[in-house]
Amino acid sequence: MNDGLTILPQPIQPVSPTQPAKNRSAGGPVGAFDQFLQQAQKSSAVTFSAHAQSRMAARGINFDATQLQRLEQAVARVDAKGGRDSLVMLDDTALVVSVKNETVVTVVDRDQLKNNVFTQIDSAVIA
């Protein structure tokens, strides 16, 4: 059954040389994605869930820049130890934080701390 189609093997041709890749270790990051990634890593701040934000608004809880920095450092310490969900004590406030997501799940002030039970946490840290 010959349909008249003949395929001749073609030799493998070398890929035409392109501009040599830059050495990332010597030349630093290259490209828009690398720059975006570096910027995102520098500005990795702990975020607050909608639930945590509503609790803070209802209870009049606000954090200044120093407290937020202490919170971020505490989350980084828990992450270094392998914690996933942590209770962070920050002054007179307790925060439950998803370490993996770097997100505050809920916030409890001093008045609400009494007789309160925190579940589904695997670590605690005093910031």
PDB file of N, CA and C in Angstrom:
ATOM      1  N   MET A   1       0.816  -1.170   0.000  1.00  0.00           N
ATOM      2  CA  MET A   1       0.000   0.000   0.000  1.00  0.00           C
ATOM      3  C   MET A   1       0.871   1.250   0.000  1.00  0.00           C
ATOM      4  N   ASN A   2       1.202   1.683  -1.133  1.00  0.00           N
ATOM      5  CA  ASN A   2       2.082   2.830  -1.273  1.00  0.00           C
ATOM      6  C   ASN A   2       1.256   4.008  -1.763  1.00  0.00           C
ATOM      7  N   ASP A   3       1.163   5.054  -0.939  1.00  0.00           N
ATOM      8  CA  ASP A   3       0.361   6.219  -1.310  1.00  0.00           C
ATOM      9  C   ASP A   3       1.206   7.341  -1.907  1.00  0.00           C
ATOM     10  N   GLY A   4       2.442   7.064  -2.162  1.00  0.00           N
ATOM     11  CA  GLY A   4       3.293   8.033  -2.817  1.00  0.00           C
ATOM     12  C   GLY A   4       3.946   9.034  -1.879  1.00  0.00           C
ATOM     13  N   LEU A   5       3.796   8.867  -0.587  1.00  0.00           N
ATOM     14  CA  LEU A   5       4.376   9.789   0.383  1.00  0.00           C
ATOM     15  C   LEU A   5       5.685   9.201   0.868  1.00  0.00           C
ATOM     16  N   THR A   6       6.751   9.916   0.663  1.00  0.00           N
ATOM     17  CA  THR A   6       8.054   9.451   1.095  1.00  0.00           C
ATOM     18  C   THR A   6       8.602  10.456   2.100  1.00  0.00           C
ATOM     19  N   ILE A   7       8.981   9.958   3.257  1.00  0.00           N
ATOM     20  CA  ILE A   7       9.560  10.818   4.291  1.00  0.00           C
ATOM     21  C   ILE A   7      11.036  10.520   4.354  1.00  0.00           C
ATOM     22  N   LEU A   8      11.815  11.525   4.059  1.00  0.00           N
ATOM     23  CA  LEU A   8      13.255  11.366   4.123  1.00  0.00           C
ATOM     24  C   LEU A   8      13.725  11.819   5.501  1.00  0.00           C
ATOM     25  N   PRO A   9      14.554  11.056   6.132  1.00  0.00           N
ATOM     26  CA  PRO A   9      15.049  11.480   7.440  1.00  0.00           C
ATOM     27  C   PRO A   9      15.875  12.755   7.310  1.00  0.00           C
ATOM     28  N   GLN A  10      15.617  13.665   8.213  1.00  0.00           N
ATOM     29  CA  GLN A  10      16.332  14.927   8.217  1.00  0.00           C
ATOM     30  C   GLN A  10      17.408  14.872   9.296  1.00  0.00           C
ATOM     31  N   PRO A  11      18.589  15.357   8.993  1.00  0.00           N
ATOM     32  CA  PRO A  11      19.633  15.358  10.022  1.00  0.00           C
ATOM     33  C   PRO A  11      19.294  16.373  11.114  1.00  0.00           C
ATOM     34  N   ILE A  12      19.733  16.080  12.288  1.00  0.00           N
ATOM     35  CA  ILE A  12      19.524  16.991  13.409  1.00  0.00           C
ATOM     36  C   ILE A  12      20.450  18.169  13.250  1.00  0.00           C
ATOM     37  N   GLN A  13      19.856  19.351  13.266  1.00  0.00           N
ATOM     38  CA  GLN A  13      20.617  20.570  13.090  1.00  0.00           C
ATOM     39  C   GLN A  13      20.893  21.196  14.447  1.00  0.00           C
ATOM     40  N   PRO A  14      22.053  21.811  14.630  1.00  0.00           N
ATOM     41  CA  PRO A  14      22.314  22.491  15.897  1.00  0.00           C
ATOM     42  C   PRO A  14      21.401  23.713  16.027  1.00  0.00           C
ATOM     43  N   VAL A  15      21.030  24.002  17.238  1.00  0.00           N
ATOM     44  CA  VAL A  15      20.208  25.173  17.501  1.00  0.00           C
ATOM     45  C   VAL A  15      21.063  26.401  17.269  1.00  0.00           C
ATOM     46  N   SER A  16      20.475  27.377  16.600  1.00  0.00           N
ATOM     47  CA  SER A  16      21.246  28.580  16.327  1.00  0.00           C
ATOM     48  C   SER A  16      21.609  29.253  17.644  1.00  0.00           C
ATOM     49  N   PRO A  17      22.823  29.674  17.782  1.00  0.00           N
ATOM     50  CA  PRO A  17      23.233  30.275  19.052  1.00  0.00           C
ATOM     51  C   PRO A  17      22.458  31.564  19.323  1.00  0.00           C
ATOM     52  N   THR A  18      22.070  31.708  20.552  1.00  0.00           N
ATOM     53  CA  THR A  18      21.392  32.926  20.967  1.00  0.00           C
ATOM     54  C   THR A  18      22.298  33.672  21.929  1.00  0.00           C
ATOM     55  N   GLN A  19      21.778  34.737  22.435  1.00  0.00           N
ATOM     56  CA  GLN A  19      22.559  35.525  23.387  1.00  0.00           C
ATOM     57  C   GLN A  19      22.837  34.647  24.608  1.00  0.00           C
ATOM     58  N   PRO A  20      24.079  34.577  25.072  1.00  0.00           N
ATOM     59  CA  PRO A  20      24.387  33.713  26.212  1.00  0.00           C
ATOM     60  C   PRO A  20      23.621  34.141  27.457  1.00  0.00           C
ATOM     61  N   ALA A  21      23.202  33.136  28.214  1.00  0.00           N
ATOM     62  CA  ALA A  21      22.472  33.417  29.448  1.00  0.00           C
ATOM     63  C   ALA A  21      23.407  34.062  30.459  1.00  0.00           C
ATOM     64  N   LYS A  22      22.872  34.992  31.211  1.00  0.00           N
ATOM     65  CA  LYS A  22      23.673  35.663  32.227  1.00  0.00           C
ATOM     66  C   LYS A  22      23.760  34.776  33.462  1.00  0.00           C
ATOM     67  N   ASN A  23      24.878  34.823  34.092  1.00  0.00           N
ATOM     68  CA  ASN A  23      25.076  34.060  35.316  1.00  0.00           C
ATOM     69  C   ASN A  23      24.330  34.754  36.456  1.00  0.00           C
ATOM     70  N   ARG A  24      23.335  34.107  36.993  1.00  0.00           N
ATOM     71  CA  ARG A  24      22.518  34.724  38.034  1.00  0.00           C
ATOM     72  C   ARG A  24      23.299  34.992  39.310  1.00  0.00           C
ATOM     73  N   SER A  25      24.247  34.131  39.615  1.00  0.00           N
ATOM     74  CA  SER A  25      24.979  34.356  40.860  1.00  0.00           C
ATOM     75  C   SER A  25      25.943  35.530  40.742  1.00  0.00           C
ATOM     76  N   ALA A  26      26.493  35.733  39.550  1.00  0.00           N
ATOM     77  CA  ALA A  26      27.448  36.818  39.396  1.00  0.00           C
ATOM     78  C   ALA A  26      26.778  38.115  38.966  1.00  0.00           C
ATOM     79  N   GLY A  27      25.771  38.012  38.112  1.00  0.00           N
ATOM     80  CA  GLY A  27      25.182  39.208  37.550  1.00  0.00           C
ATOM     81  C   GLY A  27      23.924  39.679  38.256  1.00  0.00           C
ATOM     82  N   GLY A  28      23.440  38.963  39.229  1.00  0.00           N
ATOM     83  CA  GLY A  28      22.226  39.357  39.914  1.00  0.00           C
ATOM     84  C   GLY A  28      20.998  38.913  39.150  1.00  0.00           C
ATOM     85  N   PRO A  29      19.829  39.298  39.632  1.00  0.00           N
ATOM     86  CA  PRO A  29      18.595  38.858  38.997  1.00  0.00           C
ATOM     87  C   PRO A  29      18.401  39.475  37.621  1.00  0.00           C
ATOM     88  N   VAL A  30      17.775  38.689  36.755  1.00  0.00           N
ATOM     89  CA  VAL A  30      17.544  39.133  35.400  1.00  0.00           C
ATOM     90  C   VAL A  30      16.049  39.011  35.115  1.00  0.00           C
ATOM     91  N   GLY A  31      15.462  40.026  34.519  1.00  0.00           N
ATOM     92  CA  GLY A  31      14.081  39.926  34.080  1.00  0.00           C
ATOM     93  C   GLY A  31      13.084  40.506  35.066  1.00  0.00           C
ATOM     94  N   ALA A  32      11.906  40.773  34.539  1.00  0.00           N
ATOM     95  CA  ALA A  32      10.852  41.400  35.330  1.00  0.00           C
ATOM     96  C   ALA A  32      10.343  40.483  36.438  1.00  0.00           C
ATOM     97  N   PHE A  33      10.240  39.177  36.155  1.00  0.00           N
ATOM     98  CA  PHE A  33       9.736  38.262  37.177  1.00  0.00           C
ATOM     99  C   PHE A  33      10.665  38.211  38.380  1.00  0.00           C
ATOM    100  N   ASP A  34      11.955  38.141  38.138  1.00  0.00           N
ATOM    101  CA  ASP A  34      12.918  38.106  39.240  1.00  0.00           C
ATOM    102  C   ASP A  34      12.827  39.375  40.086  1.00  0.00           C
ATOM    103  N   GLN A  35      12.666  40.509  39.431  1.00  0.00           N
ATOM    104  CA  GLN A  35      12.539  41.765  40.171  1.00  0.00           C
ATOM    105  C   GLN A  35      11.254  41.771  40.995  1.00  0.00           C
ATOM    106  N   PHE A  36      10.170  41.288  40.405  1.00  0.00           N
ATOM    107  CA  PHE A  36       8.902  41.213  41.120  1.00  0.00           C
ATOM    108  C   PHE A  36       9.020  40.284  42.320  1.00  0.00           C
ATOM    109  N   LEU A  37       9.656  39.144  42.129  1.00  0.00           N
ATOM    110  CA  LEU A  37       9.812  38.173  43.205  1.00  0.00           C
ATOM    111  C   LEU A  37      10.638  38.746  44.352  1.00  0.00           C
ATOM    112  N   GLN A  38      11.717  39.423  44.033  1.00  0.00           N
ATOM    113  CA  GLN A  38      12.532  40.035  45.082  1.00  0.00           C
ATOM    114  C   GLN A  38      11.749  41.089  45.839  1.00  0.00           C
ATOM    115  N   GLN A  39      10.982  41.898  45.141  1.00  0.00           N
ATOM    116  CA  GLN A  39      10.183  42.940  45.793  1.00  0.00           C
ATOM    117  C   GLN A  39       9.119  42.311  46.691  1.00  0.00           C
ATOM    118  N   ALA A  40       8.501  41.251  46.227  1.00  0.00           N
ATOM    119  CA  ALA A  40       7.467  40.580  47.016  1.00  0.00           C
ATOM    120  C   ALA A  40       8.063  39.978  48.286  1.00  0.00           C
ATOM    121  N   GLN A  41       9.268  39.440  48.190  1.00  0.00           N
ATOM    122  CA  GLN A  41       9.911  38.865  49.361  1.00  0.00           C
ATOM    123  C   GLN A  41      10.291  39.939  50.371  1.00  0.00           C
ATOM    124  N   LYS A  42      10.689  41.105  49.893  1.00  0.00           N
ATOM    125  CA  LYS A  42      11.054  42.195  50.795  1.00  0.00           C
ATOM    126  C   LYS A  42       9.841  42.734  51.533  1.00  0.00           C
ATOM    127  N   SER A  43       8.692  42.758  50.867  1.00  0.00           N
ATOM    128  CA  SER A  43       7.511  43.356  51.467  1.00  0.00           C
ATOM    129  C   SER A  43       6.549  42.310  52.014  1.00  0.00           C
ATOM    130  N   SER A  44       7.069  41.150  52.385  1.00  0.00           N
ATOM    131  CA  SER A  44       6.189  40.097  52.895  1.00  0.00           C
ATOM    132  C   SER A  44       5.749  40.451  54.311  1.00  0.00           C
ATOM    133  N   ALA A  45       4.615  41.098  54.397  1.00  0.00           N
ATOM    134  CA  ALA A  45       4.066  41.505  55.685  1.00  0.00           C
ATOM    135  C   ALA A  45       2.928  40.566  56.050  1.00  0.00           C
ATOM    136  N   VAL A  46       2.714  40.428  57.343  1.00  0.00           N
ATOM    137  CA  VAL A  46       1.599  39.634  57.823  1.00  0.00           C
ATOM    138  C   VAL A  46       0.317  40.376  57.473  1.00  0.00           C
ATOM    139  N   THR A  47      -0.656  39.644  56.943  1.00  0.00           N
ATOM    140  CA  THR A  47      -1.942  40.239  56.593  1.00  0.00           C
ATOM    141  C   THR A  47      -2.991  39.833  57.620  1.00  0.00           C
ATOM    142  N   PHE A  48      -4.125  40.517  57.602  1.00  0.00           N
ATOM    143  CA  PHE A  48      -5.211  40.247  58.532  1.00  0.00           C
ATOM    144  C   PHE A  48      -6.422  39.778  57.743  1.00  0.00           C
ATOM    145  N   SER A  49      -7.003  38.655  58.165  1.00  0.00           N
ATOM    146  CA  SER A  49      -8.205  38.155  57.503  1.00  0.00           C
ATOM    147  C   SER A  49      -9.356  39.117  57.751  1.00  0.00           C
ATOM    148  N   ALA A  50     -10.434  38.954  56.985  1.00  0.00           N
ATOM    149  CA  ALA A  50     -11.620  39.795  57.168  1.00  0.00           C
ATOM    150  C   ALA A  50     -12.190  39.612  58.578  1.00  0.00           C
ATOM    151  N   HIS A  51     -12.167  38.390  59.072  1.00  0.00           N
ATOM    152  CA  HIS A  51     -12.658  38.118  60.426  1.00  0.00           C
ATOM    153  C   HIS A  51     -11.822  38.868  61.470  1.00  0.00           C
ATOM    154  N   ALA A  52     -10.502  38.797  61.324  1.00  0.00           N
ATOM    155  CA  ALA A  52      -9.616  39.486  62.264  1.00  0.00           C
ATOM    156  C   ALA A  52      -9.827  40.998  62.199  1.00  0.00           C
ATOM    157  N   GLN A  53     -10.008  41.522  61.001  1.00  0.00           N
ATOM    158  CA  GLN A  53     -10.227  42.958  60.856  1.00  0.00           C
ATOM    159  C   GLN A  53     -11.538  43.381  61.519  1.00  0.00           C
ATOM    160  N   SER A  54     -12.583  42.561  61.387  1.00  0.00           N
ATOM    161  CA  SER A  54     -13.855  42.923  62.024  1.00  0.00           C
ATOM    162  C   SER A  54     -13.746  42.844  63.542  1.00  0.00           C
ATOM    163  N   ARG A  55     -12.995  41.862  64.060  1.00  0.00           N
ATOM    164  CA  ARG A  55     -12.773  41.775  65.511  1.00  0.00           C
ATOM    165  C   ARG A  55     -12.006  42.993  66.014  1.00  0.00           C
ATOM    166  N   MET A  56     -11.004  43.397  65.266  1.00  0.00           N
ATOM    167  CA  MET A  56     -10.212  44.563  65.667  1.00  0.00           C
ATOM    168  C   MET A  56     -11.073  45.823  65.666  1.00  0.00           C
ATOM    169  N   ALA A  57     -11.905  45.986  64.655  1.00  0.00           N
ATOM    170  CA  ALA A  57     -12.771  47.169  64.580  1.00  0.00           C
ATOM    171  C   ALA A  57     -13.785  47.171  65.720  1.00  0.00           C
ATOM    172  N   ALA A  58     -14.366  46.018  65.999  1.00  0.00           N
ATOM    173  CA  ALA A  58     -15.383  45.932  67.051  1.00  0.00           C
ATOM    174  C   ALA A  58     -14.795  46.185  68.432  1.00  0.00           C
ATOM    175  N   ARG A  59     -13.552  45.813  68.621  1.00  0.00           N
ATOM    176  CA  ARG A  59     -12.919  45.934  69.933  1.00  0.00           C
ATOM    177  C   ARG A  59     -11.985  47.126  70.037  1.00  0.00           C
ATOM    178  N   GLY A  60     -11.870  47.898  68.991  1.00  0.00           N
ATOM    179  CA  GLY A  60     -11.019  49.082  69.022  1.00  0.00           C
ATOM    180  C   GLY A  60      -9.542  48.761  69.142  1.00  0.00           C
ATOM    181  N   ILE A  61      -9.126  47.688  68.501  1.00  0.00           N
ATOM    182  CA  ILE A  61      -7.720  47.273  68.559  1.00  0.00           C
ATOM    183  C   ILE A  61      -6.989  47.816  67.337  1.00  0.00           C
ATOM    184  N   ASN A  62      -5.883  48.488  67.591  1.00  0.00           N
ATOM    185  CA  ASN A  62      -5.022  49.002  66.525  1.00  0.00           C
ATOM    186  C   ASN A  62      -3.583  48.659  66.867  1.00  0.00           C
ATOM    187  N   PHE A  63      -2.779  48.436  65.841  1.00  0.00           N
ATOM    188  CA  PHE A  63      -1.372  48.140  66.032  1.00  0.00           C
ATOM    189  C   PHE A  63      -0.541  49.224  65.363  1.00  0.00           C
ATOM    190  N   ASP A  64       0.521  49.657  66.048  1.00  0.00           N
ATOM    191  CA  ASP A  64       1.426  50.622  65.433  1.00  0.00           C
ATOM    192  C   ASP A  64       2.509  49.871  64.658  1.00  0.00           C
ATOM    193  N   ALA A  65       3.373  50.615  64.001  1.00  0.00           N
ATOM    194  CA  ALA A  65       4.404  50.006  63.160  1.00  0.00           C
ATOM    195  C   ALA A  65       5.349  49.115  63.960  1.00  0.00           C
ATOM    196  N   THR A  66       5.673  49.518  65.172  1.00  0.00           N
ATOM    197  CA  THR A  66       6.568  48.720  66.009  1.00  0.00           C
ATOM    198  C   THR A  66       5.920  47.390  66.378  1.00  0.00           C
ATOM    199  N   GLN A  67       4.650  47.418  66.733  1.00  0.00           N
ATOM    200  CA  GLN A  67       3.947  46.186  67.075  1.00  0.00           C
ATOM    201  C   GLN A  67       3.832  45.258  65.863  1.00  0.00           C
ATOM    202  N   LEU A  68       3.556  45.823  64.693  1.00  0.00           N
ATOM    203  CA  LEU A  68       3.471  45.001  63.489  1.00  0.00           C
ATOM    204  C   LEU A  68       4.818  44.364  63.159  1.00  0.00           C
ATOM    205  N   GLN A  69       5.890  45.090  63.400  1.00  0.00           N
ATOM    206  CA  GLN A  69       7.219  44.536  63.170  1.00  0.00           C
ATOM    207  C   GLN A  69       7.488  43.389  64.142  1.00  0.00           C
ATOM    208  N   ARG A  70       7.110  43.554  65.401  1.00  0.00           N
ATOM    209  CA  ARG A  70       7.264  42.479  66.389  1.00  0.00           C
ATOM    210  C   ARG A  70       6.427  41.263  66.008  1.00  0.00           C
ATOM    211  N   LEU A  71       5.226  41.501  65.485  1.00  0.00           N
ATOM    212  CA  LEU A  71       4.369  40.407  65.035  1.00  0.00           C
ATOM    213  C   LEU A  71       5.026  39.642  63.893  1.00  0.00           C
ATOM    214  N   GLU A  72       5.558  40.360  62.914  1.00  0.00           N
ATOM    215  CA  GLU A  72       6.231  39.721  61.785  1.00  0.00           C
ATOM    216  C   GLU A  72       7.436  38.908  62.241  1.00  0.00           C
ATOM    217  N   GLN A  73       8.203  39.443  63.186  1.00  0.00           N
ATOM    218  CA  GLN A  73       9.359  38.718  63.707  1.00  0.00           C
ATOM    219  C   GLN A  73       8.917  37.454  64.443  1.00  0.00           C
ATOM    220  N   ALA A  74       7.829  37.547  65.200  1.00  0.00           N
ATOM    221  CA  ALA A  74       7.318  36.383  65.919  1.00  0.00           C
ATOM    222  C   ALA A  74       6.868  35.300  64.943  1.00  0.00           C
ATOM    223  N   VAL A  75       6.174  35.701  63.888  1.00  0.00           N
ATOM    224  CA  VAL A  75       5.721  34.740  62.878  1.00  0.00           C
ATOM    225  C   VAL A  75       6.923  34.095  62.190  1.00  0.00           C
ATOM    226  N   ALA A  76       7.951  34.861  61.928  1.00  0.00           N
ATOM    227  CA  ALA A  76       9.164  34.313  61.307  1.00  0.00           C
ATOM    228  C   ALA A  76       9.836  33.306  62.235  1.00  0.00           C
ATOM    229  N   ARG A  77       9.857  33.578  63.544  1.00  0.00           N
ATOM    230  CA  ARG A  77      10.449  32.639  64.498  1.00  0.00           C
ATOM    231  C   ARG A  77       9.650  31.341  64.544  1.00  0.00           C
ATOM    232  N   VAL A  78       8.332  31.446  64.550  1.00  0.00           N
ATOM    233  CA  VAL A  78       7.493  30.241  64.562  1.00  0.00           C
ATOM    234  C   VAL A  78       7.702  29.450  63.278  1.00  0.00           C
ATOM    235  N   ASP A  79       7.782  30.138  62.150  1.00  0.00           N
ATOM    236  CA  ASP A  79       8.006  29.477  60.864  1.00  0.00           C
ATOM    237  C   ASP A  79       9.335  28.732  60.870  1.00  0.00           C
ATOM    238  N   ALA A  80      10.365  29.338  61.441  1.00  0.00           N
ATOM    239  CA  ALA A  80      11.685  28.698  61.505  1.00  0.00           C
ATOM    240  C   ALA A  80      11.651  27.426  62.341  1.00  0.00           C
ATOM    241  N   LYS A  81      10.745  27.364  63.298  1.00  0.00           N
ATOM    242  CA  LYS A  81      10.622  26.178  64.150  1.00  0.00           C
ATOM    243  C   LYS A  81       9.640  25.153  63.580  1.00  0.00           C
ATOM    244  N   GLY A  82       8.994  25.482  62.458  1.00  0.00           N
ATOM    245  CA  GLY A  82       8.096  24.528  61.816  1.00  0.00           C
ATOM    246  C   GLY A  82       6.644  24.648  62.247  1.00  0.00           C
ATOM    247  N   GLY A  83       6.288  25.725  62.950  1.00  0.00           N
ATOM    248  CA  GLY A  83       4.898  25.903  63.368  1.00  0.00           C
ATOM    249  C   GLY A  83       4.002  26.222  62.191  1.00  0.00           C
ATOM    250  N   ARG A  84       2.745  25.806  62.295  1.00  0.00           N
ATOM    251  CA  ARG A  84       1.783  26.065  61.213  1.00  0.00           C
ATOM    252  C   ARG A  84       0.712  27.061  61.636  1.00  0.00           C
ATOM    253  N   ASP A  85       0.153  26.850  62.814  1.00  0.00           N
ATOM    254  CA  ASP A  85      -0.877  27.741  63.348  1.00  0.00           C
ATOM    255  C   ASP A  85      -0.458  28.091  64.766  1.00  0.00           C
ATOM    256  N   SER A  86      -0.288  29.379  65.028  1.00  0.00           N
ATOM    257  CA  SER A  86       0.314  29.793  66.282  1.00  0.00           C
ATOM    258  C   SER A  86      -0.520  30.837  67.008  1.00  0.00           C
ATOM    259  N   LEU A  87      -0.423  30.799  68.329  1.00  0.00           N
ATOM    260  CA  LEU A  87      -0.980  31.847  69.168  1.00  0.00           C
ATOM    261  C   LEU A  87       0.161  32.823  69.449  1.00  0.00           C
ATOM    262  N   VAL A  88      -0.016  34.069  69.047  1.00  0.00           N
ATOM    263  CA  VAL A  88       1.002  35.094  69.261  1.00  0.00           C
ATOM    264  C   VAL A  88       0.464  36.061  70.306  1.00  0.00           C
ATOM    265  N   MET A  89       1.182  36.184  71.410  1.00  0.00           N
ATOM    266  CA  MET A  89       0.818  37.148  72.446  1.00  0.00           C
ATOM    267  C   MET A  89       1.602  38.428  72.182  1.00  0.00           C
ATOM    268  N   LEU A  90       0.872  39.486  71.892  1.00  0.00           N
ATOM    269  CA  LEU A  90       1.467  40.778  71.574  1.00  0.00           C
ATOM    270  C   LEU A  90       0.897  41.793  72.551  1.00  0.00           C
ATOM    271  N   ASP A  91       1.706  42.160  73.557  1.00  0.00           N
ATOM    272  CA  ASP A  91       1.269  43.042  74.640  1.00  0.00           C
ATOM    273  C   ASP A  91       0.028  42.431  75.306  1.00  0.00           C
ATOM    274  N   ASP A  92      -1.103  43.118  75.285  1.00  0.00           N
ATOM    275  CA  ASP A  92      -2.318  42.604  75.921  1.00  0.00           C
ATOM    276  C   ASP A  92      -3.279  41.989  74.913  1.00  0.00           C
ATOM    277  N   THR A  93      -2.768  41.580  73.774  1.00  0.00           N
ATOM    278  CA  THR A  93      -3.606  41.052  72.705  1.00  0.00           C
ATOM    279  C   THR A  93      -3.098  39.678  72.279  1.00  0.00           C
ATOM    280  N   ALA A  94      -4.041  38.776  72.026  1.00  0.00           N
ATOM    281  CA  ALA A  94      -3.706  37.449  71.516  1.00  0.00           C
ATOM    282  C   ALA A  94      -4.150  37.371  70.062  1.00  0.00           C
ATOM    283  N   LEU A  95      -3.273  36.851  69.222  1.00  0.00           N
ATOM    284  CA  LEU A  95      -3.576  36.705  67.803  1.00  0.00           C
ATOM    285  C   LEU A  95      -3.342  35.259  67.398  1.00  0.00           C
ATOM    286  N   VAL A  96      -4.296  34.675  66.694  1.00  0.00           N
ATOM    287  CA  VAL A  96      -4.098  33.350  66.117  1.00  0.00           C
ATOM    288  C   VAL A  96      -3.672  33.576  64.677  1.00  0.00           C
ATOM    289  N   VAL A  97      -2.503  33.019  64.322  1.00  0.00           N
ATOM    290  CA  VAL A  97      -1.891  33.296  63.029  1.00  0.00           C
ATOM    291  C   VAL A  97      -1.674  32.000  62.254  1.00  0.00           C
ATOM    292  N   SER A  98      -2.084  32.011  60.993  1.00  0.00           N
ATOM    293  CA  SER A  98      -1.725  30.946  60.068  1.00  0.00           C
ATOM    294  C   SER A  98      -0.328  31.288  59.555  1.00  0.00           C
ATOM    295  N   VAL A  99       0.662  30.551  60.026  1.00  0.00           N
ATOM    296  CA  VAL A  99       2.055  30.873  59.712  1.00  0.00           C
ATOM    297  C   VAL A  99       2.330  30.669  58.224  1.00  0.00           C
ATOM    298  N   LYS A 100       1.818  29.594  57.665  1.00  0.00           N
ATOM    299  CA  LYS A 100       2.039  29.296  56.249  1.00  0.00           C
ATOM    300  C   LYS A 100       1.528  30.429  55.362  1.00  0.00           C
ATOM    301  N   ASN A 101       0.342  30.943  55.676  1.00  0.00           N
ATOM    302  CA  ASN A 101      -0.254  32.012  54.879  1.00  0.00           C
ATOM    303  C   ASN A 101       0.139  33.404  55.346  1.00  0.00           C
ATOM    304  N   GLU A 102       0.851  33.486  56.467  1.00  0.00           N
ATOM    305  CA  GLU A 102       1.220  34.761  57.088  1.00  0.00           C
ATOM    306  C   GLU A 102      -0.011  35.640  57.271  1.00  0.00           C
ATOM    307  N   THR A 103      -1.070  35.031  57.813  1.00  0.00           N
ATOM    308  CA  THR A 103      -2.343  35.719  57.969  1.00  0.00           C
ATOM    309  C   THR A 103      -2.839  35.589  59.397  1.00  0.00           C
ATOM    310  N   VAL A 104      -3.217  36.722  59.993  1.00  0.00           N
ATOM    311  CA  VAL A 104      -3.847  36.712  61.311  1.00  0.00           C
ATOM    312  C   VAL A 104      -5.286  36.268  61.105  1.00  0.00           C
ATOM    313  N   VAL A 105      -5.670  35.191  61.799  1.00  0.00           N
ATOM    314  CA  VAL A 105      -6.997  34.614  61.638  1.00  0.00           C
ATOM    315  C   VAL A 105      -8.002  35.291  62.557  1.00  0.00           C
ATOM    316  N   THR A 106      -7.597  35.527  63.815  1.00  0.00           N
ATOM    317  CA  THR A 106      -8.474  36.206  64.758  1.00  0.00           C
ATOM    318  C   THR A 106      -7.655  36.961  65.783  1.00  0.00           C
ATOM    319  N   VAL A 107      -8.299  37.920  66.427  1.00  0.00           N
ATOM    320  CA  VAL A 107      -7.643  38.775  67.411  1.00  0.00           C
ATOM    321  C   VAL A 107      -8.532  38.839  68.646  1.00  0.00           C
ATOM    322  N   VAL A 108      -7.903  38.679  69.825  1.00  0.00           N
ATOM    323  CA  VAL A 108      -8.644  38.729  71.084  1.00  0.00           C
ATOM    324  C   VAL A 108      -7.941  39.715  72.006  1.00  0.00           C
ATOM    325  N   ASP A 109      -8.705  40.641  72.572  1.00  0.00           N
ATOM    326  CA  ASP A 109      -8.105  41.624  73.468  1.00  0.00           C
ATOM    327  C   ASP A 109      -8.071  41.097  74.903  1.00  0.00           C
ATOM    328  N   ARG A 110      -7.510  41.886  75.794  1.00  0.00           N
ATOM    329  CA  ARG A 110      -7.301  41.465  77.180  1.00  0.00           C
ATOM    330  C   ARG A 110      -8.598  41.069  77.874  1.00  0.00           C
ATOM    331  N   ASP A 111      -9.674  41.823  77.648  1.00  0.00           N
ATOM    332  CA  ASP A 111     -10.939  41.526  78.304  1.00  0.00           C
ATOM    333  C   ASP A 111     -11.520  40.182  77.859  1.00  0.00           C
ATOM    334  N   GLN A 112     -11.258  39.796  76.623  1.00  0.00           N
ATOM    335  CA  GLN A 112     -11.796  38.547  76.090  1.00  0.00           C
ATOM    336  C   GLN A 112     -10.901  37.339  76.376  1.00  0.00           C
ATOM    337  N   LEU A 113      -9.695  37.586  76.902  1.00  0.00           N
ATOM    338  CA  LEU A 113      -8.765  36.485  77.148  1.00  0.00           C
ATOM    339  C   LEU A 113      -9.220  35.561  78.274  1.00  0.00           C
ATOM    340  N   LYS A 114      -9.914  36.107  79.254  1.00  0.00           N
ATOM    341  CA  LYS A 114     -10.337  35.296  80.389  1.00  0.00           C
ATOM    342  C   LYS A 114     -11.325  34.236  79.934  1.00  0.00           C
ATOM    343  N   ASN A 115     -11.130  33.029  80.435  1.00  0.00           N
ATOM    344  CA  ASN A 115     -11.996  31.878  80.138  1.00  0.00           C
ATOM    345  C   ASN A 115     -12.061  31.545  78.650  1.00  0.00           C
ATOM    346  N   ASN A 116     -11.069  31.942  77.900  1.00  0.00           N
ATOM    347  CA  ASN A 116     -11.050  31.653  76.473  1.00  0.00           C
ATOM    348  C   ASN A 116     -10.139  30.458  76.230  1.00  0.00           C
ATOM    349  N   VAL A 117     -10.540  29.565  75.339  1.00  0.00           N
ATOM    350  CA  VAL A 117      -9.751  28.397  74.976  1.00  0.00           C
ATOM    351  C   VAL A 117      -9.363  28.536  73.516  1.00  0.00           C
ATOM    352  N   PHE A 118      -8.071  28.403  73.230  1.00  0.00           N
ATOM    353  CA  PHE A 118      -7.579  28.475  71.856  1.00  0.00           C
ATOM    354  C   PHE A 118      -7.344  27.057  71.364  1.00  0.00           C
ATOM    355  N   THR A 119      -7.982  26.705  70.271  1.00  0.00           N
ATOM    356  CA  THR A 119      -7.836  25.369  69.704  1.00  0.00           C
ATOM    357  C   THR A 119      -7.192  25.472  68.326  1.00  0.00           C
ATOM    358  N   GLN A 120      -6.800  24.330  67.816  1.00  0.00           N
ATOM    359  CA  GLN A 120      -6.206  24.206  66.486  1.00  0.00           C
ATOM    360  C   GLN A 120      -4.958  25.060  66.311  1.00  0.00           C
ATOM    361  N   ILE A 121      -4.135  25.112  67.352  1.00  0.00           N
ATOM    362  CA  ILE A 121      -2.829  25.767  67.260  1.00  0.00           C
ATOM    363  C   ILE A 121      -1.778  24.723  67.597  1.00  0.00           C
ATOM    364  N   ASP A 122      -0.600  24.889  67.081  1.00  0.00           N
ATOM    365  CA  ASP A 122       0.479  23.958  67.403  1.00  0.00           C
ATOM    366  C   ASP A 122       1.669  24.638  68.075  1.00  0.00           C
ATOM    367  N   SER A 123       1.540  25.956  68.295  1.00  0.00           N
ATOM    368  CA  SER A 123       2.637  26.676  68.923  1.00  0.00           C
ATOM    369  C   SER A 123       2.128  27.979  69.511  1.00  0.00           C
ATOM    370  N   ALA A 124       2.945  28.551  70.387  1.00  0.00           N
ATOM    371  CA  ALA A 124       2.634  29.851  70.981  1.00  0.00           C
ATOM    372  C   ALA A 124       3.941  30.614  71.122  1.00  0.00           C
ATOM    373  N   VAL A 125       3.849  31.931  70.962  1.00  0.00           N
ATOM    374  CA  VAL A 125       5.038  32.772  71.073  1.00  0.00           C
ATOM    375  C   VAL A 125       4.626  34.101  71.692  1.00  0.00           C
ATOM    376  N   ILE A 126       5.508  34.639  72.516  1.00  0.00           N
ATOM    377  CA  ILE A 126       5.279  35.962  73.096  1.00  0.00           C
ATOM    378  C   ILE A 126       6.149  36.939  72.320  1.00  0.00           C
ATOM    379  N   ALA A 127       5.509  37.901  71.681  1.00  0.00           N
ATOM    380  CA  ALA A 127       6.233  38.837  70.810  1.00  0.00           C
ATOM    381  C   ALA A 127       6.686  40.058  71.586  1.00  0.00           C
TER     382      ALA A 127
END
